[in-house]
Amino acid sequence: MRGSAVGQLIWKDWRLQRDQIFFTIAAGAIALAIVQWGGQTPIVVGGVFFFIALILIGHMLPLAGIVNERKKQNLAFLMSLPISSIQYTTAKLISSVVMFLIPWLTLIIAAVLLIQTRGILPHGAIPVLFILSFLPFLSFCLITGVVLVSESEGWGIAANVFCSSTYGLVWYFMCQIPALMEPAKGASPVWNAAALKILAVEVALIPTMLGLTYFLQSRKRDFV
């Protein structure tokens, strides 16, 4: 695939954005190291910075990889090459999603292993960890779709601000669900109806937003 036009575009994005990915993994690892100190304050501080790392990479990748490409006039050059608009859209979606998944999966797996092996947090917190971790993924999909379809830095910033302002509200409303928060204090994960319904909605929204982005892009006639 790397020899194809789509593969070359994906490889280009990786070379430009890989520092952000490594930085995110390092920042998340430091946050998890803080959690291992134990005690309420390290757990809260480490947990907050863990999710900040996931949020930042989800917000920065679309703006850096898509918006900046248009601002620096790189898109006009790319579209002058023998590359179709569909190939460009495909490459952008694949590269953005894969680059986001690398730190996202790495840090989630590390967090789950930390909970299971260190005993600092109850195992019942694992479902809540998954639910909260999907929020940056959803924001990433929304911002990516907005900046690709709108071709506007302003709309990208607006999507960024909207997503940033909703995290606290979502976390607050989640804390008001006893069926979700009470099992989080238990000694084993409880995948009850409340947790599964929320996860199902989050998982369903991801391909929906990405698919809608691809559909809207395929309907456009002017990409420059």
Protein backbone atom coordinates (compact mmCIF):
# COMPACT_ATOMS: atom_id res chain seq x y z
CA MET A 1 0.00 0.00 0.00
CA ARG A 2 2.88 2.33 0.71
CA GLY A 3 3.72 2.38 -3.03
CA SER A 4 0.22 3.57 -3.98
CA ALA A 5 -0.94 7.18 -4.03
CA VAL A 6 -3.03 6.63 -0.90
CA GLY A 7 -0.13 4.89 0.81
CA GLN A 8 2.23 7.74 0.00
CA LEU A 9 -0.17 10.28 1.45
CA ILE A 10 -0.58 8.20 4.61
CA TRP A 11 3.18 7.85 4.95
CA LYS A 12 3.60 11.62 4.52
CA ASP A 13 1.10 12.32 7.30
CA TRP A 14 2.85 9.81 9.59
CA ARG A 15 6.23 11.48 9.08
CA LEU A 16 4.76 14.90 9.84
CA GLN A 17 2.66 13.94 12.87
CA ARG A 18 4.63 11.11 14.52
CA ASP A 19 6.22 13.44 17.09
CA GLN A 20 2.75 14.30 18.41
CA ILE A 21 1.96 10.61 18.75
CA PHE A 22 5.15 9.80 20.67
CA PHE A 23 4.65 12.86 22.88
CA THR A 24 1.10 11.77 23.70
CA ILE A 25 2.21 8.27 24.65
CA ALA A 26 4.98 9.69 26.83
CA ALA A 27 2.60 12.15 28.52
CA GLY A 28 0.05 9.39 29.17
CA ALA A 29 2.76 7.13 30.58
CA ILE A 30 3.85 9.86 32.98
CA ALA A 31 0.22 10.33 34.06
CA LEU A 32 -0.12 6.61 34.77
CA ALA A 33 3.15 6.68 36.69
CA ILE A 34 1.69 9.41 38.90
CA VAL A 35 -1.39 7.24 39.53
CA GLN A 36 0.86 4.42 40.77
CA TRP A 37 1.96 6.52 43.71
CA GLY A 38 -1.42 5.75 45.25
CA GLY A 39 -3.57 8.02 47.37
CA GLN A 40 -6.43 10.26 46.33
CA THR A 41 -4.40 13.22 45.06
CA PRO A 42 -2.00 11.27 42.77
CA ILE A 43 -4.91 9.24 41.39
CA VAL A 44 -6.94 12.36 40.60
CA VAL A 45 -3.98 14.30 39.15
CA GLY A 46 -2.71 11.34 37.13
CA GLY A 47 -6.20 10.46 35.92
CA VAL A 48 -6.89 14.02 34.78
CA PHE A 49 -3.61 14.27 32.88
CA PHE A 50 -4.19 10.82 31.36
CA PHE A 51 -7.44 11.98 29.77
CA ILE A 52 -5.95 15.35 28.83
CA ALA A 53 -3.32 13.49 26.80
CA LEU A 54 -6.05 11.58 24.93
CA ILE A 55 -8.10 14.73 24.41
CA LEU A 56 -5.17 16.76 23.09
CA ILE A 57 -4.12 14.22 20.47
CA GLY A 58 -7.73 13.89 19.33
CA HIS A 59 -8.01 17.65 18.90
CA MET A 60 -4.54 18.36 17.51
CA LEU A 61 -4.29 15.71 14.78
CA PRO A 62 -7.14 17.02 12.58
CA LEU A 63 -6.08 20.64 12.94
CA ALA A 64 -2.40 19.93 12.30
CA GLY A 65 -2.86 17.33 9.57
CA ILE A 66 -5.80 18.79 7.64
CA VAL A 67 -6.27 22.48 8.42
CA ASN A 68 -2.57 23.35 8.36
CA GLU A 69 -2.15 21.53 5.05
CA ARG A 70 -4.68 23.87 3.48
CA LYS A 71 -3.25 26.98 5.19
CA LYS A 72 0.25 26.23 3.89
CA GLN A 73 -1.09 25.72 0.36
CA ASN A 74 0.02 22.08 0.39
CA LEU A 75 -3.44 20.86 -0.61
CA ALA A 76 -3.37 22.77 -3.91
CA PHE A 77 -0.04 21.11 -4.74
CA LEU A 78 -1.30 17.64 -3.79
CA MET A 79 -4.43 17.98 -5.90
CA SER A 80 -2.28 18.99 -8.89
CA LEU A 81 -0.71 15.51 -8.73
CA PRO A 82 -2.37 12.41 -10.24
CA ILE A 83 -4.45 11.93 -7.07
CA SER A 84 -8.23 11.94 -7.05
CA SER A 85 -10.31 13.69 -4.43
CA ILE A 86 -11.56 10.30 -3.20
CA GLN A 87 -7.98 9.07 -2.82
CA TYR A 88 -7.13 12.19 -0.84
CA THR A 89 -10.18 11.75 1.42
CA THR A 90 -9.44 8.06 1.92
CA ALA A 91 -5.82 8.77 2.81
CA LYS A 92 -6.76 11.50 5.27
CA LEU A 93 -9.36 9.41 7.07
CA ILE A 94 -7.15 6.32 7.26
CA SER A 95 -4.03 8.20 8.37
CA SER A 96 -5.90 10.31 10.94
CA VAL A 97 -7.76 7.35 12.47
CA VAL A 98 -4.69 5.09 12.57
CA MET A 99 -2.48 7.81 14.06
CA PHE A 100 -5.09 8.49 16.73
CA LEU A 101 -5.56 4.79 17.50
CA ILE A 102 -1.84 4.24 18.17
CA PRO A 103 -1.67 6.36 21.36
CA TRP A 104 -5.33 5.74 22.23
CA LEU A 105 -5.04 1.95 22.29
CA THR A 106 -1.57 2.02 23.84
CA LEU A 107 -2.67 4.15 26.78
CA ILE A 108 -5.98 2.35 27.35
CA ILE A 109 -4.26 -1.05 27.40
CA ALA A 110 -1.65 0.33 29.79
CA ALA A 111 -4.36 1.77 32.06
CA VAL A 112 -6.30 -1.52 32.14
CA LEU A 113 -3.13 -3.45 32.96
CA LEU A 114 -2.36 -0.95 35.72
CA ILE A 115 -5.79 -1.45 37.27
CA GLN A 116 -5.60 -5.23 37.03
CA THR A 117 -2.04 -5.70 38.30
CA ARG A 118 -1.34 -2.89 40.74
CA GLY A 119 -4.59 -2.84 42.70
CA ILE A 120 -4.48 0.94 43.12
CA LEU A 121 -7.95 1.31 41.63
CA PRO A 122 -10.81 -1.19 42.00
CA HIS A 123 -11.31 -3.47 39.00
CA GLY A 124 -14.86 -2.18 38.80
CA ALA A 125 -13.49 1.07 37.37
CA ILE A 126 -12.61 -0.62 34.05
CA PRO A 127 -16.04 -0.12 32.38
CA VAL A 128 -16.01 3.56 33.35
CA LEU A 129 -12.46 3.85 31.97
CA PHE A 130 -13.64 2.52 28.60
CA ILE A 131 -16.67 4.80 28.50
CA LEU A 132 -14.63 7.90 29.33
CA SER A 133 -11.88 6.94 26.89
CA PHE A 134 -14.33 6.79 23.99
CA LEU A 135 -15.25 10.46 24.50
CA PRO A 136 -11.94 11.76 23.03
CA PHE A 137 -12.41 9.28 20.16
CA LEU A 138 -15.84 10.73 19.42
CA SER A 139 -14.47 14.27 19.57
CA PHE A 140 -11.65 13.31 17.23
CA CYS A 141 -14.15 11.92 14.69
CA LEU A 142 -16.34 15.02 14.91
CA ILE A 143 -13.44 17.47 14.52
CA THR A 144 -11.93 15.44 11.66
CA GLY A 145 -15.25 15.38 9.85
CA VAL A 146 -15.86 19.10 10.35
CA VAL A 147 -12.44 20.24 9.12
CA LEU A 148 -12.50 17.89 6.12
CA VAL A 149 -16.00 18.81 4.97
CA SER A 150 -15.99 22.51 5.85
CA GLU A 151 -12.40 23.19 4.70
CA SER A 152 -12.43 25.97 7.28
CA GLU A 153 -10.14 26.68 10.22
CA GLY A 154 -12.96 28.61 11.87
CA TRP A 155 -15.32 25.64 11.83
CA GLY A 156 -12.50 23.44 13.07
CA ILE A 157 -11.90 25.75 16.03
CA ALA A 158 -15.64 25.87 16.71
CA ALA A 159 -15.81 22.06 16.76
CA ASN A 160 -12.77 22.02 19.03
CA VAL A 161 -14.37 24.45 21.47
CA PHE A 162 -17.68 22.56 21.41
CA CYS A 163 -16.02 19.23 22.20
CA SER A 164 -13.81 20.73 24.90
CA SER A 165 -16.80 22.30 26.63
CA THR A 166 -18.82 19.08 26.69
CA TYR A 167 -16.37 16.79 28.53
CA GLY A 168 -17.17 18.20 31.95
CA LEU A 169 -20.92 18.02 31.32
CA VAL A 170 -20.78 14.42 30.14
CA TRP A 171 -18.63 13.37 33.09
CA TYR A 172 -21.03 15.15 35.46
CA PHE A 173 -24.11 13.42 34.04
CA MET A 174 -22.32 10.08 34.12
CA CYS A 175 -21.68 10.55 37.83
CA GLN A 176 -25.44 10.89 38.31
CA ILE A 177 -26.03 7.32 37.06
CA PRO A 178 -25.89 5.01 40.10
CA ALA A 179 -26.01 1.88 37.95
CA LEU A 180 -22.76 3.03 36.35
CA MET A 181 -20.85 4.55 39.25
CA GLU A 182 -21.70 2.19 42.10
CA PRO A 183 -20.25 -0.93 40.39
CA ALA A 184 -17.07 1.10 39.69
CA LYS A 185 -16.19 0.72 43.37
CA GLY A 186 -16.40 -3.07 43.23
CA ALA A 187 -13.67 -5.67 43.11
CA SER A 188 -14.54 -6.85 39.59
CA PRO A 189 -15.79 -5.19 36.36
CA VAL A 190 -19.57 -5.14 36.00
CA TRP A 191 -20.80 -4.80 32.43
CA ASN A 192 -24.43 -4.07 33.27
CA ALA A 193 -27.12 -2.66 30.98
CA ALA A 194 -26.20 0.96 31.70
CA ALA A 195 -22.53 0.50 30.80
CA LEU A 196 -23.28 -1.57 27.70
CA LYS A 197 -25.88 0.89 26.39
CA ILE A 198 -23.53 3.86 26.71
CA LEU A 199 -20.67 1.94 25.08
CA ALA A 200 -22.94 0.77 22.28
CA VAL A 201 -23.98 4.33 21.49
CA GLU A 202 -20.37 5.53 21.53
CA VAL A 203 -19.16 2.69 19.31
CA ALA A 204 -22.04 3.20 16.86
CA LEU A 205 -21.38 6.94 16.56
CA ILE A 206 -17.76 6.47 15.46
CA PRO A 207 -18.37 4.71 12.09
CA THR A 208 -21.48 6.86 11.60
CA MET A 209 -19.50 10.10 11.78
CA LEU A 210 -16.62 8.76 9.69
CA GLY A 211 -19.01 7.34 7.10
CA LEU A 212 -20.95 10.60 6.92
CA THR A 213 -17.70 12.49 6.44
CA TYR A 214 -16.71 10.23 3.56
CA PHE A 215 -20.16 10.54 1.97
CA LEU A 216 -20.21 14.34 2.16
CA GLN A 217 -16.68 14.52 0.76
CA SER A 218 -17.64 12.27 -2.15
CA ARG A 219 -20.46 14.68 -3.04
CA LYS A 220 -18.15 17.68 -3.30
CA ARG A 221 -16.76 18.89 -6.60
CA ASP A 222 -14.21 21.47 -5.44
CA PHE A 223 -11.45 20.42 -3.01
CA VAL A 224 -9.10 23.38 -3.45
